[in-house]
Amino acid sequence: MTDKSTFIRANTKLRPVPLVPEIAIHVADESVPIWLKTEDELGEMGLPPPFWAFAWAGGQALARYVLDHAESVAGKTVLDLASGSGLIGIAAVKAGANAVTAADIDAFALAAIRLNASANDIHLKVCSDDLLGAPTDERWDVILAGDIFYERDTAERAFAFLSRQAACGATVLIGDPGRSYLPKDKLTKLADYSVPVTRELEDAEIKRTAVWTIA
């Protein structure tokens, strides 16, 4: 098995993010080939998609919001939940956050986050803990969640975690392009964006995407 960072460099390209050109991340041109290569690399089948290899609409919108509303994170401790590429966490650092933790349970995502942070000349903490799997006593001032309401079980666990953190005083910001399991009735919309995305991932080249907070 090759080093994960070497694998990522060999199968992606460092490119500016369409809605957030201030940030460049390692992205794949196509979803299926890198998905299959990831399974081959690990010798496993049925792996989840390589979320870390793309700039998803929800993540782009939330990163744009954070950069344009730096006061939302400046001087604060921030968690980028289910970070994927690290895009949102990188935006938080650039917006002046005091400390940023990018959390993901995918080992390739952790390597991608480190590569992308280095490419953007910033530092953040990388966390491999399954924060949705068990209660945690750790607290953050702000929790950023990009595009995590795509599947029922994950959405329920994520919203339970976010709600607990909000009840303890955290500001929760969610980027979402209209996924089925987003609990809109429990949220307040803060902003709308038209996000360029690839037809490899979505049903349109521009996804109308919103940033929400827990009401």
N, C-alpha and C. Protein backbone atom coordinates (compact mmCIF):
# COMPACT_ATOMS: atom_id res chain seq x y z
N MET A 1 0.84 -1.20 0.00
CA MET A 1 0.00 0.00 0.00
C MET A 1 0.88 1.25 0.00
N THR A 2 0.58 2.18 -0.89
CA THR A 2 1.34 3.42 -0.93
C THR A 2 0.88 4.36 0.18
N ASP A 3 1.74 5.32 0.46
CA ASP A 3 1.38 6.36 1.42
C ASP A 3 0.14 7.12 0.92
N LYS A 4 -0.78 7.42 1.83
CA LYS A 4 -2.03 8.06 1.41
C LYS A 4 -1.80 9.43 0.79
N SER A 5 -0.84 10.17 1.31
CA SER A 5 -0.55 11.48 0.72
C SER A 5 -0.02 11.32 -0.71
N THR A 6 0.80 10.31 -0.92
CA THR A 6 1.32 10.04 -2.26
C THR A 6 0.18 9.65 -3.19
N PHE A 7 -0.73 8.83 -2.70
CA PHE A 7 -1.91 8.42 -3.48
C PHE A 7 -2.74 9.64 -3.88
N ILE A 8 -2.97 10.53 -2.94
CA ILE A 8 -3.79 11.72 -3.21
C ILE A 8 -3.11 12.60 -4.25
N ARG A 9 -1.82 12.83 -4.09
CA ARG A 9 -1.10 13.66 -5.06
C ARG A 9 -1.16 13.06 -6.46
N ALA A 10 -1.09 11.73 -6.55
CA ALA A 10 -1.05 11.05 -7.84
C ALA A 10 -2.41 11.03 -8.53
N ASN A 11 -3.49 11.17 -7.77
CA ASN A 11 -4.83 10.98 -8.33
C ASN A 11 -5.71 12.22 -8.28
N THR A 12 -5.13 13.34 -7.89
CA THR A 12 -5.89 14.60 -7.84
C THR A 12 -5.02 15.74 -8.39
N LYS A 13 -5.65 16.89 -8.53
CA LYS A 13 -4.93 18.09 -8.92
C LYS A 13 -5.26 19.20 -7.94
N LEU A 14 -4.27 20.01 -7.62
CA LEU A 14 -4.48 21.15 -6.73
C LEU A 14 -5.09 22.29 -7.53
N ARG A 15 -6.34 22.64 -7.19
CA ARG A 15 -7.06 23.64 -7.96
C ARG A 15 -7.79 24.60 -7.04
N PRO A 16 -7.96 25.86 -7.47
CA PRO A 16 -8.78 26.80 -6.70
C PRO A 16 -10.23 26.31 -6.64
N VAL A 17 -10.87 26.54 -5.53
CA VAL A 17 -12.28 26.17 -5.36
C VAL A 17 -13.14 27.22 -6.08
N PRO A 18 -14.10 26.81 -6.92
CA PRO A 18 -14.85 27.77 -7.74
C PRO A 18 -15.44 28.95 -6.98
N LEU A 19 -16.18 28.69 -5.90
CA LEU A 19 -16.82 29.77 -5.16
C LEU A 19 -15.88 30.41 -4.15
N VAL A 20 -14.75 29.75 -3.90
CA VAL A 20 -13.79 30.23 -2.89
C VAL A 20 -12.39 30.18 -3.50
N PRO A 21 -12.11 31.01 -4.50
CA PRO A 21 -10.83 30.92 -5.21
C PRO A 21 -9.62 31.28 -4.36
N GLU A 22 -9.87 31.86 -3.16
CA GLU A 22 -8.77 32.14 -2.24
C GLU A 22 -8.13 30.85 -1.72
N ILE A 23 -8.83 29.75 -1.87
CA ILE A 23 -8.38 28.46 -1.34
C ILE A 23 -8.25 27.46 -2.48
N ALA A 24 -7.17 26.70 -2.48
CA ALA A 24 -6.98 25.61 -3.45
C ALA A 24 -6.94 24.29 -2.69
N ILE A 25 -7.58 23.27 -3.24
CA ILE A 25 -7.56 21.94 -2.63
C ILE A 25 -7.29 20.88 -3.70
N HIS A 26 -6.86 19.71 -3.26
CA HIS A 26 -6.64 18.60 -4.17
C HIS A 26 -7.97 17.97 -4.53
N VAL A 27 -8.33 18.01 -5.83
CA VAL A 27 -9.61 17.47 -6.28
C VAL A 27 -9.39 16.48 -7.42
N ALA A 28 -10.33 15.53 -7.51
CA ALA A 28 -10.29 14.54 -8.58
C ALA A 28 -11.15 15.03 -9.75
N ASP A 29 -10.81 14.60 -10.96
CA ASP A 29 -11.59 14.97 -12.14
C ASP A 29 -12.89 14.18 -12.22
N GLU A 30 -12.84 12.92 -11.81
CA GLU A 30 -14.00 12.04 -11.90
C GLU A 30 -14.17 11.27 -10.61
N SER A 31 -15.42 10.98 -10.26
CA SER A 31 -15.68 10.33 -8.98
C SER A 31 -15.45 8.82 -9.01
N VAL A 32 -15.93 8.14 -10.05
CA VAL A 32 -15.86 6.68 -10.06
C VAL A 32 -14.43 6.16 -10.13
N PRO A 33 -13.57 6.68 -11.02
CA PRO A 33 -12.21 6.15 -11.07
C PRO A 33 -11.46 6.27 -9.74
N ILE A 34 -11.52 7.42 -9.07
CA ILE A 34 -10.79 7.56 -7.82
C ILE A 34 -11.44 6.71 -6.73
N TRP A 35 -12.74 6.54 -6.79
CA TRP A 35 -13.44 5.67 -5.85
C TRP A 35 -12.91 4.24 -5.97
N LEU A 36 -12.83 3.74 -7.21
CA LEU A 36 -12.34 2.39 -7.45
C LEU A 36 -10.87 2.25 -7.06
N LYS A 37 -10.08 3.28 -7.37
CA LYS A 37 -8.66 3.24 -7.00
C LYS A 37 -8.49 3.22 -5.48
N THR A 38 -9.36 3.95 -4.77
CA THR A 38 -9.29 3.97 -3.31
C THR A 38 -9.59 2.58 -2.76
N GLU A 39 -10.60 1.91 -3.32
CA GLU A 39 -10.92 0.55 -2.88
C GLU A 39 -9.78 -0.41 -3.18
N ASP A 40 -9.18 -0.27 -4.37
CA ASP A 40 -8.03 -1.11 -4.71
C ASP A 40 -6.87 -0.87 -3.74
N GLU A 41 -6.64 0.39 -3.44
CA GLU A 41 -5.53 0.76 -2.57
C GLU A 41 -5.67 0.13 -1.18
N LEU A 42 -6.90 0.09 -0.68
CA LEU A 42 -7.14 -0.44 0.66
C LEU A 42 -7.49 -1.92 0.65
N GLY A 43 -7.73 -2.48 -0.56
CA GLY A 43 -8.10 -3.88 -0.63
C GLY A 43 -9.48 -4.14 -0.05
N GLU A 44 -10.36 -3.14 -0.15
CA GLU A 44 -11.71 -3.26 0.39
C GLU A 44 -12.72 -2.84 -0.65
N MET A 45 -13.90 -3.46 -0.60
CA MET A 45 -14.99 -3.10 -1.49
C MET A 45 -16.11 -2.45 -0.68
N GLY A 46 -16.96 -1.70 -1.37
CA GLY A 46 -18.10 -1.09 -0.71
C GLY A 46 -17.75 0.09 0.17
N LEU A 47 -16.63 0.74 -0.10
CA LEU A 47 -16.24 1.89 0.70
C LEU A 47 -17.14 3.09 0.36
N PRO A 48 -17.27 4.02 1.30
CA PRO A 48 -18.04 5.23 0.99
C PRO A 48 -17.33 6.04 -0.09
N PRO A 49 -18.04 6.93 -0.76
CA PRO A 49 -17.40 7.76 -1.79
C PRO A 49 -16.25 8.58 -1.20
N PRO A 50 -15.30 8.94 -2.03
CA PRO A 50 -14.17 9.76 -1.57
C PRO A 50 -14.60 11.23 -1.43
N PHE A 51 -15.34 11.51 -0.37
CA PHE A 51 -15.87 12.86 -0.17
C PHE A 51 -14.75 13.90 -0.12
N TRP A 52 -13.57 13.47 0.31
CA TRP A 52 -12.43 14.37 0.46
C TRP A 52 -11.88 14.86 -0.88
N ALA A 53 -12.27 14.22 -1.99
CA ALA A 53 -11.66 14.52 -3.29
C ALA A 53 -12.42 15.55 -4.10
N PHE A 54 -13.44 16.17 -3.50
CA PHE A 54 -14.27 17.12 -4.25
C PHE A 54 -14.65 18.31 -3.37
N ALA A 55 -14.96 19.43 -4.04
CA ALA A 55 -15.46 20.61 -3.34
C ALA A 55 -16.98 20.59 -3.45
N TRP A 56 -17.64 20.00 -2.45
CA TRP A 56 -19.09 19.85 -2.47
C TRP A 56 -19.78 21.20 -2.29
N ALA A 57 -21.01 21.27 -2.80
CA ALA A 57 -21.73 22.55 -2.80
C ALA A 57 -21.89 23.12 -1.40
N GLY A 58 -22.29 22.28 -0.45
CA GLY A 58 -22.49 22.77 0.91
C GLY A 58 -21.22 23.31 1.53
N GLY A 59 -20.11 22.63 1.26
CA GLY A 59 -18.83 23.08 1.78
C GLY A 59 -18.37 24.38 1.16
N GLN A 60 -18.58 24.52 -0.16
CA GLN A 60 -18.21 25.76 -0.83
C GLN A 60 -18.99 26.95 -0.27
N ALA A 61 -20.30 26.77 -0.12
CA ALA A 61 -21.13 27.86 0.38
C ALA A 61 -20.74 28.25 1.80
N LEU A 62 -20.50 27.26 2.65
CA LEU A 62 -20.16 27.56 4.04
C LEU A 62 -18.78 28.21 4.14
N ALA A 63 -17.84 27.74 3.33
CA ALA A 63 -16.52 28.37 3.31
C ALA A 63 -16.61 29.83 2.86
N ARG A 64 -17.42 30.08 1.83
CA ARG A 64 -17.62 31.45 1.35
C ARG A 64 -18.24 32.32 2.44
N TYR A 65 -19.22 31.77 3.13
CA TYR A 65 -19.89 32.51 4.20
C TYR A 65 -18.89 32.87 5.31
N VAL A 66 -18.08 31.92 5.69
CA VAL A 66 -17.11 32.15 6.77
C VAL A 66 -16.10 33.24 6.38
N LEU A 67 -15.63 33.19 5.15
CA LEU A 67 -14.67 34.20 4.71
C LEU A 67 -15.31 35.59 4.61
N ASP A 68 -16.58 35.62 4.19
CA ASP A 68 -17.27 36.90 4.04
C ASP A 68 -17.83 37.43 5.35
N HIS A 69 -17.93 36.57 6.35
CA HIS A 69 -18.43 36.95 7.68
C HIS A 69 -17.41 36.48 8.73
N ALA A 70 -16.22 37.04 8.61
CA ALA A 70 -15.12 36.60 9.47
C ALA A 70 -15.44 36.71 10.95
N GLU A 71 -16.33 37.64 11.29
CA GLU A 71 -16.68 37.82 12.70
C GLU A 71 -17.35 36.58 13.28
N SER A 72 -17.84 35.70 12.43
CA SER A 72 -18.51 34.49 12.93
C SER A 72 -17.52 33.50 13.54
N VAL A 73 -16.25 33.60 13.17
CA VAL A 73 -15.25 32.66 13.69
C VAL A 73 -14.02 33.34 14.29
N ALA A 74 -13.80 34.60 14.00
CA ALA A 74 -12.57 35.28 14.42
C ALA A 74 -12.36 35.20 15.93
N GLY A 75 -11.18 34.74 16.32
CA GLY A 75 -10.82 34.65 17.73
C GLY A 75 -11.48 33.51 18.48
N LYS A 76 -12.16 32.62 17.76
CA LYS A 76 -12.93 31.56 18.40
C LYS A 76 -12.34 30.17 18.13
N THR A 77 -12.75 29.21 18.96
CA THR A 77 -12.41 27.81 18.69
C THR A 77 -13.47 27.23 17.77
N VAL A 78 -13.02 26.50 16.75
CA VAL A 78 -13.92 26.07 15.68
C VAL A 78 -13.73 24.58 15.40
N LEU A 79 -14.84 23.88 15.19
CA LEU A 79 -14.82 22.49 14.73
C LEU A 79 -15.40 22.43 13.32
N ASP A 80 -14.64 21.85 12.40
CA ASP A 80 -15.13 21.54 11.06
C ASP A 80 -15.53 20.07 11.07
N LEU A 81 -16.83 19.80 11.20
CA LEU A 81 -17.34 18.44 11.38
C LEU A 81 -17.46 17.71 10.05
N ALA A 82 -17.02 16.43 10.03
CA ALA A 82 -17.03 15.66 8.78
C ALA A 82 -16.35 16.47 7.69
N SER A 83 -15.12 16.82 7.96
CA SER A 83 -14.40 17.85 7.21
C SER A 83 -14.16 17.52 5.75
N GLY A 84 -13.93 16.25 5.42
CA GLY A 84 -13.66 15.88 4.04
C GLY A 84 -12.32 16.40 3.56
N SER A 85 -12.34 17.41 2.71
CA SER A 85 -11.12 18.00 2.16
C SER A 85 -10.45 18.98 3.12
N GLY A 86 -11.19 19.42 4.13
CA GLY A 86 -10.67 20.46 5.02
C GLY A 86 -10.98 21.86 4.56
N LEU A 87 -11.74 22.01 3.47
CA LEU A 87 -12.02 23.32 2.88
C LEU A 87 -12.59 24.30 3.90
N ILE A 88 -13.60 23.89 4.65
CA ILE A 88 -14.27 24.82 5.56
C ILE A 88 -13.35 25.20 6.72
N GLY A 89 -12.62 24.22 7.23
CA GLY A 89 -11.67 24.50 8.30
C GLY A 89 -10.58 25.46 7.86
N ILE A 90 -10.10 25.29 6.63
CA ILE A 90 -9.09 26.20 6.09
C ILE A 90 -9.66 27.62 6.00
N ALA A 91 -10.90 27.72 5.55
CA ALA A 91 -11.54 29.04 5.48
C ALA A 91 -11.63 29.67 6.86
N ALA A 92 -11.93 28.87 7.87
CA ALA A 92 -12.04 29.40 9.24
C ALA A 92 -10.70 29.93 9.73
N VAL A 93 -9.63 29.22 9.43
CA VAL A 93 -8.30 29.71 9.81
C VAL A 93 -8.02 31.03 9.11
N LYS A 94 -8.28 31.09 7.82
CA LYS A 94 -8.03 32.31 7.06
C LYS A 94 -8.89 33.48 7.55
N ALA A 95 -10.06 33.16 8.13
CA ALA A 95 -10.95 34.20 8.64
C ALA A 95 -10.58 34.63 10.06
N GLY A 96 -9.54 34.03 10.63
CA GLY A 96 -9.04 34.50 11.92
C GLY A 96 -9.44 33.70 13.13
N ALA A 97 -9.92 32.46 12.94
CA ALA A 97 -10.26 31.62 14.08
C ALA A 97 -9.03 31.41 14.96
N ASN A 98 -9.27 31.31 16.24
CA ASN A 98 -8.16 31.12 17.19
C ASN A 98 -7.56 29.73 17.09
N ALA A 99 -8.42 28.71 16.95
CA ALA A 99 -7.98 27.33 16.81
C ALA A 99 -9.05 26.56 16.05
N VAL A 100 -8.63 25.75 15.08
CA VAL A 100 -9.57 25.01 14.25
C VAL A 100 -9.24 23.52 14.31
N THR A 101 -10.26 22.70 14.55
CA THR A 101 -10.13 21.25 14.50
C THR A 101 -10.94 20.75 13.32
N ALA A 102 -10.29 20.00 12.42
CA ALA A 102 -10.97 19.37 11.29
C ALA A 102 -11.13 17.89 11.61
N ALA A 103 -12.37 17.44 11.75
CA ALA A 103 -12.64 16.07 12.18
C ALA A 103 -13.22 15.25 11.04
N ASP A 104 -12.69 14.03 10.85
CA ASP A 104 -13.23 13.11 9.87
C ASP A 104 -12.77 11.70 10.25
N ILE A 105 -13.60 10.70 9.94
CA ILE A 105 -13.23 9.32 10.28
C ILE A 105 -12.58 8.59 9.11
N ASP A 106 -12.50 9.23 7.95
CA ASP A 106 -11.88 8.63 6.75
C ASP A 106 -10.39 8.93 6.77
N ALA A 107 -9.57 7.89 6.74
CA ALA A 107 -8.12 8.07 6.80
C ALA A 107 -7.59 8.86 5.61
N PHE A 108 -8.19 8.67 4.42
CA PHE A 108 -7.77 9.45 3.26
C PHE A 108 -8.13 10.92 3.45
N ALA A 109 -9.28 11.18 4.06
CA ALA A 109 -9.67 12.57 4.32
C ALA A 109 -8.67 13.24 5.25
N LEU A 110 -8.21 12.53 6.25
CA LEU A 110 -7.24 13.11 7.18
C LEU A 110 -5.96 13.49 6.45
N ALA A 111 -5.53 12.62 5.53
CA ALA A 111 -4.33 12.94 4.74
C ALA A 111 -4.59 14.11 3.82
N ALA A 112 -5.79 14.15 3.21
CA ALA A 112 -6.14 15.26 2.31
C ALA A 112 -6.20 16.58 3.07
N ILE A 113 -6.76 16.56 4.26
CA ILE A 113 -6.84 17.78 5.07
C ILE A 113 -5.44 18.33 5.33
N ARG A 114 -4.53 17.46 5.71
CA ARG A 114 -3.15 17.90 5.98
C ARG A 114 -2.49 18.47 4.71
N LEU A 115 -2.67 17.79 3.58
CA LEU A 115 -2.11 18.27 2.32
C LEU A 115 -2.70 19.62 1.93
N ASN A 116 -4.00 19.74 2.05
CA ASN A 116 -4.66 20.99 1.66
C ASN A 116 -4.31 22.14 2.60
N ALA A 117 -4.19 21.83 3.88
CA ALA A 117 -3.78 22.87 4.83
C ALA A 117 -2.38 23.38 4.48
N SER A 118 -1.48 22.45 4.19
CA SER A 118 -0.11 22.82 3.83
C SER A 118 -0.09 23.64 2.53
N ALA A 119 -0.91 23.23 1.56
CA ALA A 119 -0.96 23.94 0.28
C ALA A 119 -1.44 25.37 0.44
N ASN A 120 -2.24 25.60 1.49
CA ASN A 120 -2.76 26.95 1.73
C ASN A 120 -1.99 27.67 2.84
N ASP A 121 -0.88 27.08 3.25
CA ASP A 121 0.04 27.69 4.22
C ASP A 121 -0.66 28.04 5.53
N ILE A 122 -1.50 27.10 6.00
CA ILE A 122 -2.17 27.32 7.28
C ILE A 122 -2.01 26.07 8.14
N HIS A 123 -2.32 26.20 9.42
CA HIS A 123 -2.25 25.06 10.34
C HIS A 123 -3.58 24.87 11.03
N LEU A 124 -4.01 23.62 11.10
CA LEU A 124 -5.17 23.27 11.91
C LEU A 124 -4.96 21.89 12.52
N LYS A 125 -5.74 21.58 13.53
CA LYS A 125 -5.67 20.28 14.19
C LYS A 125 -6.53 19.29 13.43
N VAL A 126 -6.03 18.08 13.26
CA VAL A 126 -6.79 17.03 12.58
C VAL A 126 -7.22 15.99 13.61
N CYS A 127 -8.51 15.64 13.58
CA CYS A 127 -9.09 14.71 14.56
C CYS A 127 -9.74 13.54 13.84
N SER A 128 -9.39 12.31 14.25
CA SER A 128 -9.95 11.11 13.63
C SER A 128 -11.07 10.48 14.45
N ASP A 129 -11.43 11.10 15.57
CA ASP A 129 -12.48 10.53 16.44
C ASP A 129 -13.84 10.58 15.76
N ASP A 130 -14.67 9.57 16.01
CA ASP A 130 -16.04 9.58 15.53
C ASP A 130 -16.87 10.39 16.52
N LEU A 131 -16.97 11.66 16.29
CA LEU A 131 -17.66 12.55 17.23
C LEU A 131 -19.15 12.29 17.29
N LEU A 132 -19.70 11.66 16.25
CA LEU A 132 -21.13 11.35 16.26
C LEU A 132 -21.42 10.03 16.95
N GLY A 133 -20.36 9.26 17.20
CA GLY A 133 -20.55 7.92 17.73
C GLY A 133 -20.75 7.84 19.22
N ALA A 134 -20.26 8.82 19.94
CA ALA A 134 -20.37 8.79 21.40
C ALA A 134 -20.36 10.21 21.92
N PRO A 135 -21.05 10.47 23.03
CA PRO A 135 -21.04 11.82 23.61
C PRO A 135 -19.62 12.27 23.94
N THR A 136 -19.35 13.54 23.77
CA THR A 136 -18.04 14.09 24.10
C THR A 136 -18.21 15.30 25.00
N ASP A 137 -17.26 15.47 25.89
CA ASP A 137 -17.28 16.63 26.79
C ASP A 137 -16.61 17.84 26.14
N GLU A 138 -15.98 17.61 24.98
CA GLU A 138 -15.26 18.71 24.33
C GLU A 138 -16.25 19.71 23.75
N ARG A 139 -15.90 20.98 23.86
CA ARG A 139 -16.77 22.05 23.39
C ARG A 139 -16.00 22.99 22.46
N TRP A 140 -16.73 23.58 21.54
CA TRP A 140 -16.18 24.57 20.62
C TRP A 140 -17.09 25.78 20.59
N ASP A 141 -16.54 26.94 20.26
CA ASP A 141 -17.37 28.14 20.14
C ASP A 141 -18.26 28.07 18.91
N VAL A 142 -17.72 27.51 17.83
CA VAL A 142 -18.43 27.45 16.55
C VAL A 142 -18.25 26.07 15.95
N ILE A 143 -19.32 25.50 15.42
CA ILE A 143 -19.23 24.23 14.71
C ILE A 143 -19.73 24.44 13.29
N LEU A 144 -18.91 24.04 12.34
CA LEU A 144 -19.21 24.19 10.92
C LEU A 144 -19.48 22.82 10.33
N ALA A 145 -20.58 22.68 9.61
CA ALA A 145 -20.98 21.39 9.04
C ALA A 145 -21.40 21.58 7.60
N GLY A 146 -20.61 21.08 6.68
CA GLY A 146 -20.90 21.24 5.26
C GLY A 146 -21.41 19.96 4.63
N ASP A 147 -22.65 19.99 4.14
CA ASP A 147 -23.18 18.91 3.31
C ASP A 147 -23.16 17.54 4.00
N ILE A 148 -23.75 17.46 5.18
CA ILE A 148 -23.75 16.18 5.90
C ILE A 148 -25.14 15.58 6.06
N PHE A 149 -26.15 16.17 5.41
CA PHE A 149 -27.52 15.68 5.58
C PHE A 149 -28.01 14.91 4.36
N TYR A 150 -27.12 14.10 3.78
CA TYR A 150 -27.42 13.38 2.55
C TYR A 150 -27.98 11.98 2.80
N GLU A 151 -27.87 11.47 4.03
CA GLU A 151 -28.29 10.10 4.33
C GLU A 151 -28.97 10.10 5.69
N ARG A 152 -30.06 9.33 5.83
CA ARG A 152 -30.94 9.47 6.99
C ARG A 152 -30.21 9.24 8.32
N ASP A 153 -29.51 8.14 8.45
CA ASP A 153 -28.88 7.82 9.74
C ASP A 153 -27.81 8.85 10.10
N THR A 154 -26.96 9.18 9.11
CA THR A 154 -25.92 10.19 9.35
C THR A 154 -26.54 11.52 9.72
N ALA A 155 -27.62 11.89 9.03
CA ALA A 155 -28.27 13.16 9.31
C ALA A 155 -28.83 13.21 10.73
N GLU A 156 -29.44 12.13 11.16
CA GLU A 156 -30.02 12.09 12.50
C GLU A 156 -28.93 12.19 13.57
N ARG A 157 -27.86 11.45 13.38
CA ARG A 157 -26.76 11.48 14.35
C ARG A 157 -26.08 12.85 14.36
N ALA A 158 -25.90 13.42 13.17
CA ALA A 158 -25.25 14.72 13.08
C ALA A 158 -26.09 15.80 13.75
N PHE A 159 -27.40 15.78 13.49
CA PHE A 159 -28.24 16.82 14.07
C PHE A 159 -28.33 16.68 15.59
N ALA A 160 -28.33 15.45 16.08
CA ALA A 160 -28.32 15.25 17.53
C ALA A 160 -27.05 15.83 18.14
N PHE A 161 -25.91 15.59 17.51
CA PHE A 161 -24.63 16.13 17.99
C PHE A 161 -24.65 17.66 17.94
N LEU A 162 -25.08 18.20 16.81
CA LEU A 162 -25.10 19.66 16.66
C LEU A 162 -26.06 20.31 17.66
N SER A 163 -27.17 19.68 17.89
CA SER A 163 -28.15 20.22 18.85
C SER A 163 -27.59 20.23 20.26
N ARG A 164 -26.90 19.17 20.64
CA ARG A 164 -26.27 19.13 21.97
C ARG A 164 -25.25 20.24 22.12
N GLN A 165 -24.45 20.43 21.09
CA GLN A 165 -23.43 21.47 21.15
C GLN A 165 -24.06 22.86 21.19
N ALA A 166 -25.13 23.06 20.42
CA ALA A 166 -25.82 24.35 20.43
C ALA A 166 -26.41 24.63 21.81
N ALA A 167 -26.94 23.59 22.45
CA ALA A 167 -27.52 23.75 23.78
C ALA A 167 -26.47 24.14 24.81
N CYS A 168 -25.22 23.82 24.53
CA CYS A 168 -24.11 24.19 25.41
C CYS A 168 -23.49 25.53 25.03
N GLY A 169 -24.08 26.20 24.05
CA GLY A 169 -23.63 27.55 23.72
C GLY A 169 -22.90 27.72 22.41
N ALA A 170 -22.68 26.63 21.67
CA ALA A 170 -21.96 26.73 20.40
C ALA A 170 -22.83 27.35 19.32
N THR A 171 -22.23 28.14 18.46
CA THR A 171 -22.89 28.59 17.24
C THR A 171 -22.71 27.52 16.19
N VAL A 172 -23.80 27.06 15.60
CA VAL A 172 -23.75 26.01 14.58
C VAL A 172 -24.09 26.61 13.22
N LEU A 173 -23.21 26.41 12.25
CA LEU A 173 -23.42 26.88 10.89
C LEU A 173 -23.39 25.67 9.96
N ILE A 174 -24.41 25.56 9.10
CA ILE A 174 -24.58 24.40 8.22
C ILE A 174 -24.66 24.87 6.78
N GLY A 175 -23.88 24.27 5.90
CA GLY A 175 -23.99 24.53 4.47
C GLY A 175 -24.68 23.35 3.80
N ASP A 176 -25.76 23.62 3.05
CA ASP A 176 -26.53 22.51 2.48
C ASP A 176 -27.21 22.91 1.17
N PRO A 177 -27.09 22.06 0.13
CA PRO A 177 -27.71 22.36 -1.17
C PRO A 177 -29.06 21.69 -1.37
N GLY A 178 -29.83 21.58 -0.30
CA GLY A 178 -31.16 21.00 -0.42
C GLY A 178 -31.19 19.49 -0.30
N ARG A 179 -30.34 18.92 0.54
CA ARG A 179 -30.36 17.47 0.76
C ARG A 179 -31.66 17.06 1.45
N SER A 180 -32.03 15.82 1.23
CA SER A 180 -33.35 15.33 1.65
C SER A 180 -33.57 15.36 3.16
N TYR A 181 -32.49 15.17 3.93
CA TYR A 181 -32.67 14.98 5.37
C TYR A 181 -32.27 16.19 6.20
N LEU A 182 -32.19 17.35 5.56
CA LEU A 182 -31.93 18.58 6.31
C LEU A 182 -33.20 18.99 7.06
N PRO A 183 -33.14 19.13 8.39
CA PRO A 183 -34.35 19.49 9.16
C PRO A 183 -34.61 20.99 9.13
N LYS A 184 -35.09 21.49 8.00
CA LYS A 184 -35.26 22.92 7.80
C LYS A 184 -36.16 23.57 8.85
N ASP A 185 -37.14 22.81 9.33
CA ASP A 185 -38.08 23.37 10.29
C ASP A 185 -37.43 23.71 11.63
N LYS A 186 -36.22 23.20 11.85
CA LYS A 186 -35.51 23.46 13.10
C LYS A 186 -34.34 24.42 12.90
N LEU A 187 -34.26 25.02 11.71
CA LEU A 187 -33.12 25.86 11.35
C LEU A 187 -33.59 27.23 10.89
N THR A 188 -32.64 28.17 10.90
CA THR A 188 -32.86 29.51 10.37
C THR A 188 -31.87 29.77 9.24
N LYS A 189 -32.37 30.21 8.09
CA LYS A 189 -31.50 30.46 6.95
C LYS A 189 -30.78 31.79 7.11
N LEU A 190 -29.47 31.78 6.83
CA LEU A 190 -28.65 32.98 6.93
C LEU A 190 -28.25 33.56 5.58
N ALA A 191 -28.08 32.69 4.57
CA ALA A 191 -27.58 33.17 3.28
C ALA A 191 -27.87 32.15 2.20
N ASP A 192 -27.92 32.63 0.95
CA ASP A 192 -28.08 31.77 -0.23
C ASP A 192 -26.93 32.00 -1.19
N TYR A 193 -26.50 30.92 -1.87
CA TYR A 193 -25.43 31.02 -2.86
C TYR A 193 -25.77 30.17 -4.07
N SER A 194 -25.27 30.58 -5.23
CA SER A 194 -25.31 29.75 -6.42
C SER A 194 -23.91 29.17 -6.59
N VAL A 195 -23.79 27.86 -6.42
CA VAL A 195 -22.48 27.22 -6.32
C VAL A 195 -22.16 26.41 -7.57
N PRO A 196 -21.04 26.70 -8.25
CA PRO A 196 -20.63 25.88 -9.40
C PRO A 196 -20.15 24.51 -8.90
N VAL A 197 -20.68 23.46 -9.50
CA VAL A 197 -20.28 22.09 -9.14
C VAL A 197 -20.16 21.26 -10.42
N THR A 198 -19.56 20.09 -10.29
CA THR A 198 -19.41 19.21 -11.44
C THR A 198 -20.62 18.29 -11.56
N ARG A 199 -21.01 17.98 -12.81
CA ARG A 199 -22.11 17.05 -13.04
C ARG A 199 -21.73 15.64 -12.61
N GLU A 200 -20.45 15.42 -12.31
CA GLU A 200 -20.03 14.15 -11.73
C GLU A 200 -20.70 13.91 -10.38
N LEU A 201 -20.99 14.99 -9.68
CA LEU A 201 -21.49 14.88 -8.31
C LEU A 201 -22.96 15.24 -8.17
N GLU A 202 -23.45 16.15 -8.99
CA GLU A 202 -24.78 16.71 -8.78
C GLU A 202 -25.62 16.61 -10.05
N ASP A 203 -26.89 17.00 -9.92
CA ASP A 203 -27.82 16.95 -11.05
C ASP A 203 -27.88 18.25 -11.83
N ALA A 204 -27.02 19.20 -11.47
CA ALA A 204 -26.98 20.48 -12.18
C ALA A 204 -25.58 21.07 -12.02
N GLU A 205 -25.20 21.97 -12.93
CA GLU A 205 -23.87 22.58 -12.87
C GLU A 205 -23.82 23.71 -11.85
N ILE A 206 -24.98 24.25 -11.49
CA ILE A 206 -25.09 25.27 -10.46
C ILE A 206 -26.10 24.78 -9.42
N LYS A 207 -25.67 24.69 -8.17
CA LYS A 207 -26.56 24.25 -7.10
C LYS A 207 -26.88 25.43 -6.19
N ARG A 208 -28.18 25.68 -6.03
CA ARG A 208 -28.61 26.70 -5.08
C ARG A 208 -28.39 26.14 -3.68
N THR A 209 -27.56 26.83 -2.92
CA THR A 209 -27.09 26.30 -1.64
C THR A 209 -27.25 27.35 -0.55
N ALA A 210 -27.69 26.90 0.60
CA ALA A 210 -27.95 27.83 1.70
C ALA A 210 -27.04 27.56 2.89
N VAL A 211 -26.84 28.57 3.69
CA VAL A 211 -26.18 28.46 4.99
C VAL A 211 -27.24 28.67 6.06
N TRP A 212 -27.26 27.75 7.01
CA TRP A 212 -28.29 27.72 8.06
C TRP A 212 -27.65 27.74 9.44
N THR A 213 -28.44 28.10 10.43
CA THR A 213 -28.02 27.96 11.82
C THR A 213 -29.17 27.35 12.61
N ILE A 214 -28.86 26.72 13.71
CA ILE A 214 -29.92 26.11 14.52
C ILE A 214 -30.75 27.23 15.18
N ALA A 215 -32.05 27.13 14.98
CA ALA A 215 -32.97 28.19 15.45
C ALA A 215 -32.99 28.24 16.98
